[in-house]
Each structure stands twice: as structure tokens, then as C-alpha cells.
Amino acid sequence: MTTAIARHAKQISGLRELRRLAERQMQEVREKLREMEAFIEQLRAATGETSPRRSPLDQMQEVAESVADLRAGGGNISADRVAKLYGVSVNQLATWVGRSRQALSKTPDADSLQPALCLFERVARLRLVLKSDADFRKWLRTPQDLLERASPLQLMAEGKWQLMADFVDDALTGAPT
């Protein structure tokens, strides 16, 4: 009996040590993530990418309704829904916004994603004048003369989200390009 108790006590001690090790490693991971997020913010600042510019269409009810399907129950834009509309994988969208697929899948409507996702939402407003989501995906993949023969999706993949959001705003408002 004493041997069994000693063996269990040793196992418990070992498990406690494993837990302490895991907690230290998790803390290191959290610190590394914070460092990476700070680095991404520095990159955005260095490249001039800041908070997205507001659109003159932001307050129009019809425009808001055209992209309501991209929002989750809490009102935030959902990365899952954006990926589905754009016809790209969640993994691809995660790469574009500088997150892991796991992080995007775990909280697809995280507050920290909203500045990036709002630009994808603004591009999706083009559905106001297109017949279907399939037509929107076709437009995304079609080279455009006004974009120097690049496709909108190519430019989105390059991180030129603000450019594309402004392009769609101009198209919808009739502003000169």
C-alpha cells in the first residue's frame, strides 16, 4: 500500500511539474504573440497602413444591408463569411491579415480583425450593382484595365485593401478614378 501511495505521489508531483512547465511555455507564447502583433502594427505604420479611411457610403442603409450577411451575431464582420464570399480559404485570408488559421477559426469576428475586415466588407459593397455573389467572385478574379490589368483579388492578396475599398467607393459613387 505504501508503495502505491508513493508511486501516486510521485506521479502527482510529475504532473504538477508538467503543468508548471506548460504554464511557462504558454506565457512565452503569449509574449511572443504580443511581440508579433506589435511588430505587425509597426509594419503597418511604416507602410502607411493605419486605420481604414471612412467611406462616404458607410451610413447609407442600402449599403449596410448589402453586406449585412458578412456580420456575425454580435455585429462584427466575420472572417469566415468574408472568406466564403471571396471564394478563398480561411487559411488564405488568415495569411493576408497576418493571423494564423487557428486564431481566425477560433474567433473569426474578433475585434482586432475589424480594421482589416472592414476593408473587405467595403469591397463587397460592389454586390449592390452585381447580380449575384458568383458575379462578385468573377469580378474579383478578372483583370481590370483601371487596375493596370491586375485583378482585384490579386491586389487584395498584396495587402492593397484600402486601394480596393476606395476603388469600389469611387465606382459606386461615380467619383473619378
C-alpha atoms as a PDB file:
ATOM      1  CA  MET A   1       0.000   0.000   0.000  1.00  0.00           C
ATOM      2  CA  THR A   2       2.792   2.412   0.906  1.00  0.00           C
ATOM      3  CA  THR A   3       4.493   1.717  -2.424  1.00  0.00           C
ATOM      4  CA  ALA A   4       1.276   2.536  -4.332  1.00  0.00           C
ATOM      5  CA  ILE A   5       0.870   5.778  -2.383  1.00  0.00           C
ATOM      6  CA  ALA A   6       4.482   6.729  -3.041  1.00  0.00           C
ATOM      7  CA  ARG A   7       4.058   5.924  -6.762  1.00  0.00           C
ATOM      8  CA  HIS A   8       0.879   8.067  -6.983  1.00  0.00           C
ATOM      9  CA  ALA A   9       2.519  10.880  -5.051  1.00  0.00           C
ATOM     10  CA  LYS A  10       5.438  10.784  -7.494  1.00  0.00           C
ATOM     11  CA  GLN A  11       3.009  10.846 -10.468  1.00  0.00           C
ATOM     12  CA  ILE A  12       1.159  13.809  -8.970  1.00  0.00           C
ATOM     13  CA  SER A  13       4.428  15.623  -8.425  1.00  0.00           C
ATOM     14  CA  GLY A  14       5.427  14.920 -12.019  1.00  0.00           C
ATOM     15  CA  LEU A  15       2.078  16.172 -13.306  1.00  0.00           C
ATOM     16  CA  ARG A  16       2.407  19.345 -11.255  1.00  0.00           C
ATOM     17  CA  GLU A  17       5.846  19.933 -12.738  1.00  0.00           C
ATOM     18  CA  LEU A  18       4.447  19.364 -16.259  1.00  0.00           C
ATOM     19  CA  ARG A  19       1.677  21.846 -15.526  1.00  0.00           C
ATOM     20  CA  ARG A  20       4.190  24.474 -14.363  1.00  0.00           C
ATOM     21  CA  LEU A  21       6.256  23.870 -17.492  1.00  0.00           C
ATOM     22  CA  ALA A  22       3.178  24.149 -19.730  1.00  0.00           C
ATOM     23  CA  GLU A  23       2.129  27.369 -17.990  1.00  0.00           C
ATOM     24  CA  ARG A  24       5.607  28.858 -18.535  1.00  0.00           C
ATOM     25  CA  GLN A  25       5.525  27.841 -22.190  1.00  0.00           C
ATOM     26  CA  MET A  26       2.042  29.325 -22.632  1.00  0.00           C
ATOM     27  CA  GLN A  27       3.264  32.573 -21.097  1.00  0.00           C
ATOM     28  CA  GLU A  28       6.186  32.588 -23.535  1.00  0.00           C
ATOM     29  CA  VAL A  29       3.774  32.001 -26.427  1.00  0.00           C
ATOM     30  CA  ARG A  30       1.543  34.857 -25.241  1.00  0.00           C
ATOM     31  CA  GLU A  31       4.567  37.161 -25.005  1.00  0.00           C
ATOM     32  CA  LYS A  32       5.736  36.140 -28.481  1.00  0.00           C
ATOM     33  CA  LEU A  33       2.239  36.790 -29.886  1.00  0.00           C
ATOM     34  CA  ARG A  34       2.214  40.243 -28.292  1.00  0.00           C
ATOM     35  CA  GLU A  35       5.630  40.937 -29.815  1.00  0.00           C
ATOM     36  CA  MET A  36       4.426  39.775 -33.230  1.00  0.00           C
ATOM     37  CA  GLU A  37       1.274  41.888 -33.028  1.00  0.00           C
ATOM     38  CA  ALA A  38       3.382  44.912 -32.060  1.00  0.00           C
ATOM     39  CA  PHE A  39       5.713  44.186 -34.977  1.00  0.00           C
ATOM     40  CA  ILE A  40       2.763  43.960 -37.382  1.00  0.00           C
ATOM     41  CA  GLU A  41       1.488  47.291 -36.096  1.00  0.00           C
ATOM     42  CA  GLN A  42       4.948  48.789 -36.648  1.00  0.00           C
ATOM     43  CA  LEU A  43       4.981  47.419 -40.193  1.00  0.00           C
ATOM     44  CA  ARG A  44       1.555  48.863 -40.844  1.00  0.00           C
ATOM     45  CA  ALA A  45       2.655  52.231 -39.513  1.00  0.00           C
ATOM     46  CA  ALA A  46       5.877  52.125 -41.556  1.00  0.00           C
ATOM     47  CA  THR A  47       3.992  51.305 -44.746  1.00  0.00           C
ATOM     48  CA  GLY A  48       1.375  53.935 -44.071  1.00  0.00           C
ATOM     49  CA  GLU A  49      -1.326  51.390 -43.350  1.00  0.00           C
ATOM     50  CA  THR A  50      -3.316  52.807 -40.486  1.00  0.00           C
ATOM     51  CA  SER A  51      -6.941  52.649 -39.569  1.00  0.00           C
ATOM     52  CA  PRO A  52      -9.029  52.409 -42.698  1.00  0.00           C
ATOM     53  CA  ARG A  53     -10.333  55.671 -44.070  1.00  0.00           C
ATOM     54  CA  ARG A  54     -14.043  56.149 -43.673  1.00  0.00           C
ATOM     55  CA  SER A  55     -16.242  55.806 -46.714  1.00  0.00           C
ATOM     56  CA  PRO A  56     -18.960  58.262 -47.725  1.00  0.00           C
ATOM     57  CA  LEU A  57     -21.188  55.196 -48.121  1.00  0.00           C
ATOM     58  CA  ASP A  58     -20.806  53.976 -44.528  1.00  0.00           C
ATOM     59  CA  GLN A  59     -24.077  55.461 -43.275  1.00  0.00           C
ATOM     60  CA  MET A  60     -26.349  54.535 -46.199  1.00  0.00           C
ATOM     61  CA  GLN A  61     -28.933  51.915 -45.206  1.00  0.00           C
ATOM     62  CA  GLU A  62     -28.959  50.159 -48.591  1.00  0.00           C
ATOM     63  CA  VAL A  63     -25.171  49.845 -48.494  1.00  0.00           C
ATOM     64  CA  ALA A  64     -25.221  48.488 -44.949  1.00  0.00           C
ATOM     65  CA  GLU A  65     -27.859  45.935 -45.912  1.00  0.00           C
ATOM     66  CA  SER A  66     -25.812  44.786 -48.917  1.00  0.00           C
ATOM     67  CA  VAL A  67     -23.073  43.495 -46.618  1.00  0.00           C
ATOM     68  CA  ALA A  68     -25.124  42.533 -43.558  1.00  0.00           C
ATOM     69  CA  ASP A  69     -24.561  38.854 -44.363  1.00  0.00           C
ATOM     70  CA  LEU A  70     -20.851  39.328 -43.572  1.00  0.00           C
ATOM     71  CA  ARG A  71     -21.604  40.148 -39.945  1.00  0.00           C
ATOM     72  CA  ALA A  72     -21.840  37.660 -37.104  1.00  0.00           C
ATOM     73  CA  GLY A  73     -24.493  37.734 -34.388  1.00  0.00           C
ATOM     74  CA  GLY A  74     -22.601  40.288 -32.290  1.00  0.00           C
ATOM     75  CA  GLY A  75     -22.401  42.725 -35.212  1.00  0.00           C
ATOM     76  CA  ASN A  76     -18.723  42.258 -36.046  1.00  0.00           C
ATOM     77  CA  ILE A  77     -17.595  41.226 -39.507  1.00  0.00           C
ATOM     78  CA  SER A  78     -16.827  37.505 -39.659  1.00  0.00           C
ATOM     79  CA  ALA A  79     -13.644  36.298 -41.349  1.00  0.00           C
ATOM     80  CA  ASP A  80     -15.379  33.001 -42.156  1.00  0.00           C
ATOM     81  CA  ARG A  81     -18.120  34.808 -44.046  1.00  0.00           C
ATOM     82  CA  VAL A  82     -15.645  37.072 -45.835  1.00  0.00           C
ATOM     83  CA  ALA A  83     -13.555  34.074 -46.935  1.00  0.00           C
ATOM     84  CA  LYS A  84     -16.653  32.286 -48.211  1.00  0.00           C
ATOM     85  CA  LEU A  85     -17.876  35.320 -50.156  1.00  0.00           C
ATOM     86  CA  TYR A  86     -14.445  35.962 -51.667  1.00  0.00           C
ATOM     87  CA  GLY A  87     -14.052  32.290 -52.595  1.00  0.00           C
ATOM     88  CA  VAL A  88     -10.793  31.932 -50.657  1.00  0.00           C
ATOM     89  CA  SER A  89      -9.862  29.624 -47.826  1.00  0.00           C
ATOM     90  CA  VAL A  90      -9.827  30.794 -44.224  1.00  0.00           C
ATOM     91  CA  ASN A  91      -6.128  29.893 -44.278  1.00  0.00           C
ATOM     92  CA  GLN A  92      -5.526  32.268 -47.208  1.00  0.00           C
ATOM     93  CA  LEU A  93      -7.474  35.078 -45.565  1.00  0.00           C
ATOM     94  CA  ALA A  94      -5.552  34.477 -42.322  1.00  0.00           C
ATOM     95  CA  THR A  95      -2.283  34.869 -44.210  1.00  0.00           C
ATOM     96  CA  TRP A  96      -3.486  38.116 -45.775  1.00  0.00           C
ATOM     97  CA  VAL A  97      -4.468  39.639 -42.423  1.00  0.00           C
ATOM     98  CA  GLY A  98      -1.353  38.376 -40.634  1.00  0.00           C
ATOM     99  CA  ARG A  99      -3.003  35.826 -38.374  1.00  0.00           C
ATOM    100  CA  SER A 100      -2.878  32.079 -38.025  1.00  0.00           C
ATOM    101  CA  ARG A 101      -5.677  29.950 -39.424  1.00  0.00           C
ATOM    102  CA  GLN A 102      -6.275  28.634 -35.923  1.00  0.00           C
ATOM    103  CA  ALA A 103      -6.663  32.130 -34.462  1.00  0.00           C
ATOM    104  CA  LEU A 104      -9.001  33.158 -37.271  1.00  0.00           C
ATOM    105  CA  SER A 105     -11.057  29.994 -36.907  1.00  0.00           C
ATOM    106  CA  LYS A 106     -11.276  30.336 -33.129  1.00  0.00           C
ATOM    107  CA  THR A 107     -12.544  33.933 -33.170  1.00  0.00           C
ATOM    108  CA  PRO A 108     -13.478  34.852 -36.752  1.00  0.00           C
ATOM    109  CA  ASP A 109     -15.173  38.061 -35.616  1.00  0.00           C
ATOM    110  CA  ALA A 110     -12.515  39.255 -33.144  1.00  0.00           C
ATOM    111  CA  ASP A 111     -12.384  42.989 -32.501  1.00  0.00           C
ATOM    112  CA  SER A 112      -8.723  43.041 -33.503  1.00  0.00           C
ATOM    113  CA  LEU A 113      -9.660  41.823 -37.004  1.00  0.00           C
ATOM    114  CA  GLN A 114     -12.252  44.500 -37.673  1.00  0.00           C
ATOM    115  CA  PRO A 115      -9.938  47.187 -39.162  1.00  0.00           C
ATOM    116  CA  ALA A 116      -8.778  44.741 -41.839  1.00  0.00           C
ATOM    117  CA  LEU A 117     -12.132  43.041 -42.390  1.00  0.00           C
ATOM    118  CA  CYS A 118     -13.983  46.341 -42.788  1.00  0.00           C
ATOM    119  CA  LEU A 119     -11.976  46.964 -45.967  1.00  0.00           C
ATOM    120  CA  PHE A 120     -13.014  43.565 -47.311  1.00  0.00           C
ATOM    121  CA  GLU A 121     -16.586  44.482 -46.435  1.00  0.00           C
ATOM    122  CA  ARG A 122     -16.286  47.781 -48.315  1.00  0.00           C
ATOM    123  CA  VAL A 123     -15.093  45.946 -51.432  1.00  0.00           C
ATOM    124  CA  ALA A 124     -18.029  43.548 -51.058  1.00  0.00           C
ATOM    125  CA  ARG A 125     -20.391  46.521 -51.367  1.00  0.00           C
ATOM    126  CA  LEU A 126     -19.926  46.178 -55.105  1.00  0.00           C
ATOM    127  CA  ARG A 127     -22.571  43.474 -54.839  1.00  0.00           C
ATOM    128  CA  LEU A 128     -25.056  46.369 -54.858  1.00  0.00           C
ATOM    129  CA  VAL A 129     -24.634  46.539 -58.630  1.00  0.00           C
ATOM    130  CA  LEU A 130     -23.739  42.944 -59.440  1.00  0.00           C
ATOM    131  CA  LYS A 131     -26.365  40.261 -59.914  1.00  0.00           C
ATOM    132  CA  SER A 132     -25.025  37.628 -57.544  1.00  0.00           C
ATOM    133  CA  ASP A 133     -22.217  36.571 -55.245  1.00  0.00           C
ATOM    134  CA  ALA A 134     -20.918  34.424 -58.123  1.00  0.00           C
ATOM    135  CA  ASP A 135     -20.689  37.565 -60.281  1.00  0.00           C
ATOM    136  CA  PHE A 136     -18.828  39.292 -57.440  1.00  0.00           C
ATOM    137  CA  ARG A 137     -16.294  36.425 -57.266  1.00  0.00           C
ATOM    138  CA  LYS A 138     -15.928  36.548 -61.052  1.00  0.00           C
ATOM    139  CA  TRP A 139     -15.253  40.303 -60.876  1.00  0.00           C
ATOM    140  CA  LEU A 140     -12.654  39.698 -58.133  1.00  0.00           C
ATOM    141  CA  ARG A 141     -10.712  37.382 -60.432  1.00  0.00           C
ATOM    142  CA  THR A 142     -10.996  39.418 -63.639  1.00  0.00           C
ATOM    143  CA  PRO A 143      -8.081  41.706 -64.605  1.00  0.00           C
ATOM    144  CA  GLN A 144      -9.266  45.322 -64.702  1.00  0.00           C
ATOM    145  CA  ASP A 145      -7.938  47.984 -67.063  1.00  0.00           C
ATOM    146  CA  LEU A 146      -8.291  50.644 -64.348  1.00  0.00           C
ATOM    147  CA  LEU A 147      -6.125  48.500 -62.079  1.00  0.00           C
ATOM    148  CA  GLU A 148      -3.331  48.146 -64.640  1.00  0.00           C
ATOM    149  CA  ARG A 149      -4.653  44.722 -65.714  1.00  0.00           C
ATOM    150  CA  ALA A 150      -4.426  43.305 -62.181  1.00  0.00           C
ATOM    151  CA  SER A 151      -7.411  41.535 -60.729  1.00  0.00           C
ATOM    152  CA  PRO A 152      -8.982  42.953 -57.574  1.00  0.00           C
ATOM    153  CA  LEU A 153      -8.200  39.690 -55.771  1.00  0.00           C
ATOM    154  CA  GLN A 154      -4.509  39.994 -56.734  1.00  0.00           C
ATOM    155  CA  LEU A 155      -4.387  43.447 -55.198  1.00  0.00           C
ATOM    156  CA  MET A 156      -6.228  42.257 -52.092  1.00  0.00           C
ATOM    157  CA  ALA A 157      -3.697  39.423 -51.739  1.00  0.00           C
ATOM    158  CA  GLU A 158      -0.912  42.041 -51.918  1.00  0.00           C
ATOM    159  CA  GLY A 159      -2.479  43.904 -48.999  1.00  0.00           C
ATOM    160  CA  LYS A 160      -3.824  46.775 -51.092  1.00  0.00           C
ATOM    161  CA  TRP A 161      -7.143  46.660 -49.285  1.00  0.00           C
ATOM    162  CA  GLN A 162      -7.539  50.417 -48.850  1.00  0.00           C
ATOM    163  CA  LEU A 163      -6.866  50.935 -52.562  1.00  0.00           C
ATOM    164  CA  MET A 164      -9.553  48.420 -53.475  1.00  0.00           C
ATOM    165  CA  ALA A 165     -12.039  49.793 -50.933  1.00  0.00           C
ATOM    166  CA  ASP A 166     -11.530  53.288 -52.371  1.00  0.00           C
ATOM    167  CA  PHE A 167     -11.825  51.904 -55.902  1.00  0.00           C
ATOM    168  CA  VAL A 168     -15.227  50.363 -55.108  1.00  0.00           C
ATOM    169  CA  ASP A 169     -16.357  53.529 -53.303  1.00  0.00           C
ATOM    170  CA  ASP A 170     -15.447  55.541 -56.391  1.00  0.00           C
ATOM    171  CA  ALA A 171     -17.273  53.094 -58.657  1.00  0.00           C
ATOM    172  CA  LEU A 172     -20.402  53.192 -56.510  1.00  0.00           C
ATOM    173  CA  THR A 173     -20.441  56.975 -56.063  1.00  0.00           C
ATOM    174  CA  GLY A 174     -19.410  57.809 -59.618  1.00  0.00           C
ATOM    175  CA  ALA A 175     -16.287  59.613 -58.424  1.00  0.00           C
ATOM    176  CA  PRO A 176     -13.484  59.915 -60.975  1.00  0.00           C
ATOM    177  CA  THR A 177     -10.690  57.351 -60.787  1.00  0.00           C
END
